[in-house]
Amino acid sequence: MTKILEADDHVVRDGIKKIFDEPPGTVSEIANILALSVKTISTYRARILEKVEMKTNAPITRYAIQNKLVS
């Protein structure tokens, strides 16, 4: 993510804030908010899941709900 922030810092920061304020429903919506391609967002998602040793969104979603990160 460092490369993205260097490229267009304010766009990404504003996009991230918007995602947390009103979570989008699809990868396409996230890509539009951050002005990135769907493929880039999908790659980031895959890398995050790999890093936390998860294969699906379910454990992340469960964690977010249990810790009141989403409503």
N, C-alpha and C. Protein backbone atom coordinates (compact mmCIF):
# COMPACT_ATOMS: atom_id res chain seq x y z
N MET A 1 0.82 -1.19 0.00
CA MET A 1 0.00 0.00 0.00
C MET A 1 0.87 1.25 0.00
N THR A 2 2.09 1.16 0.37
CA THR A 2 2.98 2.31 0.40
C THR A 2 3.09 2.95 -0.98
N LYS A 3 3.21 2.13 -2.02
CA LYS A 3 3.33 2.67 -3.37
C LYS A 3 2.09 3.46 -3.76
N ILE A 4 0.92 2.98 -3.36
CA ILE A 4 -0.33 3.68 -3.67
C ILE A 4 -0.34 5.03 -2.97
N LEU A 5 -0.02 5.02 -1.68
CA LEU A 5 -0.05 6.27 -0.92
C LEU A 5 0.92 7.29 -1.49
N GLU A 6 2.07 6.84 -1.97
CA GLU A 6 3.03 7.75 -2.58
C GLU A 6 2.47 8.32 -3.88
N ALA A 7 1.74 7.50 -4.62
CA ALA A 7 1.25 7.91 -5.94
C ALA A 7 0.20 9.02 -5.84
N ASP A 8 -0.78 8.86 -5.00
CA ASP A 8 -1.86 9.83 -4.92
C ASP A 8 -2.46 9.80 -3.52
N ASP A 9 -1.70 10.27 -2.58
CA ASP A 9 -1.98 10.16 -1.16
C ASP A 9 -3.39 10.60 -0.77
N HIS A 10 -3.81 11.78 -1.17
CA HIS A 10 -5.11 12.29 -0.72
C HIS A 10 -6.28 11.49 -1.28
N VAL A 11 -6.18 11.01 -2.50
CA VAL A 11 -7.27 10.23 -3.09
C VAL A 11 -7.46 8.94 -2.32
N VAL A 12 -6.36 8.26 -2.02
CA VAL A 12 -6.44 7.00 -1.30
C VAL A 12 -6.94 7.21 0.12
N ARG A 13 -6.40 8.21 0.81
CA ARG A 13 -6.84 8.47 2.19
C ARG A 13 -8.34 8.80 2.24
N ASP A 14 -8.79 9.65 1.33
CA ASP A 14 -10.21 9.98 1.29
C ASP A 14 -11.06 8.75 0.98
N GLY A 15 -10.57 7.92 0.06
CA GLY A 15 -11.28 6.70 -0.30
C GLY A 15 -11.38 5.74 0.86
N ILE A 16 -10.29 5.57 1.59
CA ILE A 16 -10.28 4.67 2.74
C ILE A 16 -11.26 5.17 3.80
N LYS A 17 -11.27 6.47 4.06
CA LYS A 17 -12.22 7.03 5.02
C LYS A 17 -13.65 6.75 4.59
N LYS A 18 -13.92 6.91 3.29
CA LYS A 18 -15.27 6.68 2.77
C LYS A 18 -15.67 5.21 2.92
N ILE A 19 -14.72 4.32 2.67
CA ILE A 19 -15.01 2.89 2.81
C ILE A 19 -15.38 2.55 4.24
N PHE A 20 -14.68 3.14 5.21
CA PHE A 20 -15.00 2.85 6.61
C PHE A 20 -16.29 3.52 7.05
N ASP A 21 -16.62 4.68 6.49
CA ASP A 21 -17.86 5.36 6.84
C ASP A 21 -19.07 4.65 6.26
N GLU A 22 -18.99 4.25 5.00
CA GLU A 22 -20.08 3.57 4.32
C GLU A 22 -19.49 2.42 3.52
N PRO A 23 -19.34 1.24 4.15
CA PRO A 23 -18.70 0.12 3.45
C PRO A 23 -19.42 -0.25 2.16
N PRO A 24 -18.67 -0.33 1.06
CA PRO A 24 -19.26 -0.70 -0.22
C PRO A 24 -19.57 -2.19 -0.24
N GLY A 25 -20.42 -2.59 -1.17
CA GLY A 25 -20.83 -3.99 -1.24
C GLY A 25 -19.98 -4.85 -2.15
N THR A 26 -19.28 -4.26 -3.08
CA THR A 26 -18.55 -5.06 -4.05
C THR A 26 -17.12 -4.57 -4.24
N VAL A 27 -16.32 -5.45 -4.83
CA VAL A 27 -14.95 -5.09 -5.16
C VAL A 27 -14.94 -3.93 -6.16
N SER A 28 -15.89 -3.93 -7.08
CA SER A 28 -15.99 -2.84 -8.07
C SER A 28 -16.21 -1.49 -7.40
N GLU A 29 -17.06 -1.48 -6.39
CA GLU A 29 -17.32 -0.23 -5.67
C GLU A 29 -16.08 0.25 -4.94
N ILE A 30 -15.34 -0.67 -4.33
CA ILE A 30 -14.10 -0.30 -3.64
C ILE A 30 -13.10 0.25 -4.66
N ALA A 31 -12.99 -0.42 -5.79
CA ALA A 31 -12.07 0.03 -6.85
C ALA A 31 -12.43 1.43 -7.32
N ASN A 32 -13.71 1.71 -7.49
CA ASN A 32 -14.13 3.04 -7.92
C ASN A 32 -13.80 4.10 -6.88
N ILE A 33 -14.04 3.79 -5.61
CA ILE A 33 -13.76 4.75 -4.54
C ILE A 33 -12.28 5.08 -4.48
N LEU A 34 -11.43 4.05 -4.62
CA LEU A 34 -9.99 4.26 -4.51
C LEU A 34 -9.33 4.60 -5.84
N ALA A 35 -10.11 4.65 -6.89
CA ALA A 35 -9.59 4.93 -8.24
C ALA A 35 -8.50 3.93 -8.65
N LEU A 36 -8.78 2.65 -8.35
CA LEU A 36 -7.89 1.56 -8.72
C LEU A 36 -8.68 0.53 -9.51
N SER A 37 -7.98 -0.39 -10.13
CA SER A 37 -8.68 -1.42 -10.91
C SER A 37 -9.22 -2.51 -10.00
N VAL A 38 -10.23 -3.20 -10.48
CA VAL A 38 -10.81 -4.32 -9.75
C VAL A 38 -9.73 -5.38 -9.51
N LYS A 39 -8.90 -5.61 -10.50
CA LYS A 39 -7.84 -6.61 -10.37
C LYS A 39 -6.87 -6.23 -9.23
N THR A 40 -6.53 -4.96 -9.11
CA THR A 40 -5.64 -4.51 -8.04
C THR A 40 -6.26 -4.75 -6.68
N ILE A 41 -7.53 -4.40 -6.53
CA ILE A 41 -8.23 -4.61 -5.26
C ILE A 41 -8.29 -6.10 -4.94
N SER A 42 -8.57 -6.93 -5.93
CA SER A 42 -8.63 -8.37 -5.73
C SER A 42 -7.27 -8.93 -5.31
N THR A 43 -6.22 -8.40 -5.90
CA THR A 43 -4.86 -8.83 -5.53
C THR A 43 -4.57 -8.45 -4.08
N TYR A 44 -4.92 -7.23 -3.69
CA TYR A 44 -4.70 -6.79 -2.31
C TYR A 44 -5.46 -7.69 -1.34
N ARG A 45 -6.71 -8.00 -1.68
CA ARG A 45 -7.53 -8.87 -0.84
C ARG A 45 -6.87 -10.23 -0.68
N ALA A 46 -6.43 -10.80 -1.79
CA ALA A 46 -5.78 -12.11 -1.75
C ALA A 46 -4.51 -12.09 -0.89
N ARG A 47 -3.73 -11.03 -1.00
CA ARG A 47 -2.50 -10.91 -0.20
C ARG A 47 -2.81 -10.78 1.28
N ILE A 48 -3.85 -10.01 1.61
CA ILE A 48 -4.25 -9.86 3.01
C ILE A 48 -4.69 -11.20 3.57
N LEU A 49 -5.55 -11.92 2.82
CA LEU A 49 -6.02 -13.22 3.29
C LEU A 49 -4.85 -14.19 3.47
N GLU A 50 -3.92 -14.16 2.54
CA GLU A 50 -2.74 -15.03 2.64
C GLU A 50 -1.92 -14.69 3.88
N LYS A 51 -1.74 -13.41 4.10
CA LYS A 51 -0.92 -12.95 5.23
C LYS A 51 -1.52 -13.37 6.58
N VAL A 52 -2.84 -13.33 6.68
CA VAL A 52 -3.50 -13.72 7.92
C VAL A 52 -3.91 -15.19 7.91
N GLU A 53 -3.44 -15.91 6.92
CA GLU A 53 -3.66 -17.36 6.77
C GLU A 53 -5.14 -17.73 6.77
N MET A 54 -5.92 -17.02 5.96
CA MET A 54 -7.34 -17.31 5.79
C MET A 54 -7.61 -17.51 4.31
N LYS A 55 -8.62 -18.33 4.02
CA LYS A 55 -8.94 -18.62 2.62
C LYS A 55 -10.19 -17.89 2.13
N THR A 56 -11.03 -17.46 3.06
CA THR A 56 -12.28 -16.79 2.68
C THR A 56 -12.48 -15.54 3.53
N ASN A 57 -13.51 -14.79 3.18
CA ASN A 57 -13.86 -13.58 3.94
C ASN A 57 -14.55 -13.90 5.26
N ALA A 58 -15.10 -15.10 5.41
CA ALA A 58 -15.91 -15.43 6.58
C ALA A 58 -15.19 -15.18 7.91
N PRO A 59 -13.96 -15.65 8.11
CA PRO A 59 -13.31 -15.40 9.40
C PRO A 59 -13.04 -13.90 9.65
N ILE A 60 -12.73 -13.17 8.59
CA ILE A 60 -12.50 -11.73 8.73
C ILE A 60 -13.81 -11.04 9.10
N THR A 61 -14.88 -11.43 8.44
CA THR A 61 -16.20 -10.85 8.73
C THR A 61 -16.60 -11.15 10.17
N ARG A 62 -16.41 -12.40 10.59
CA ARG A 62 -16.73 -12.80 11.96
C ARG A 62 -15.94 -11.96 12.96
N TYR A 63 -14.65 -11.79 12.71
CA TYR A 63 -13.79 -10.99 13.58
C TYR A 63 -14.30 -9.55 13.66
N ALA A 64 -14.63 -8.98 12.50
CA ALA A 64 -15.10 -7.59 12.45
C ALA A 64 -16.40 -7.41 13.24
N ILE A 65 -17.30 -8.39 13.13
CA ILE A 65 -18.57 -8.31 13.85
C ILE A 65 -18.34 -8.47 15.36
N GLN A 66 -17.55 -9.46 15.73
CA GLN A 66 -17.28 -9.72 17.16
C GLN A 66 -16.61 -8.53 17.84
N ASN A 67 -15.79 -7.82 17.10
CA ASN A 67 -15.06 -6.69 17.67
C ASN A 67 -15.71 -5.34 17.36
N LYS A 68 -16.97 -5.42 16.88
CA LYS A 68 -17.79 -4.23 16.60
C LYS A 68 -17.10 -3.23 15.65
N LEU A 69 -16.40 -3.79 14.66
CA LEU A 69 -15.79 -2.95 13.64
C LEU A 69 -16.78 -2.61 12.54
N VAL A 70 -17.85 -3.41 12.45
CA VAL A 70 -18.94 -3.17 11.51
C VAL A 70 -20.25 -3.37 12.25
N SER A 71 -21.31 -2.82 11.69
CA SER A 71 -22.61 -3.00 12.36
C SER A 71 -23.52 -3.85 11.51
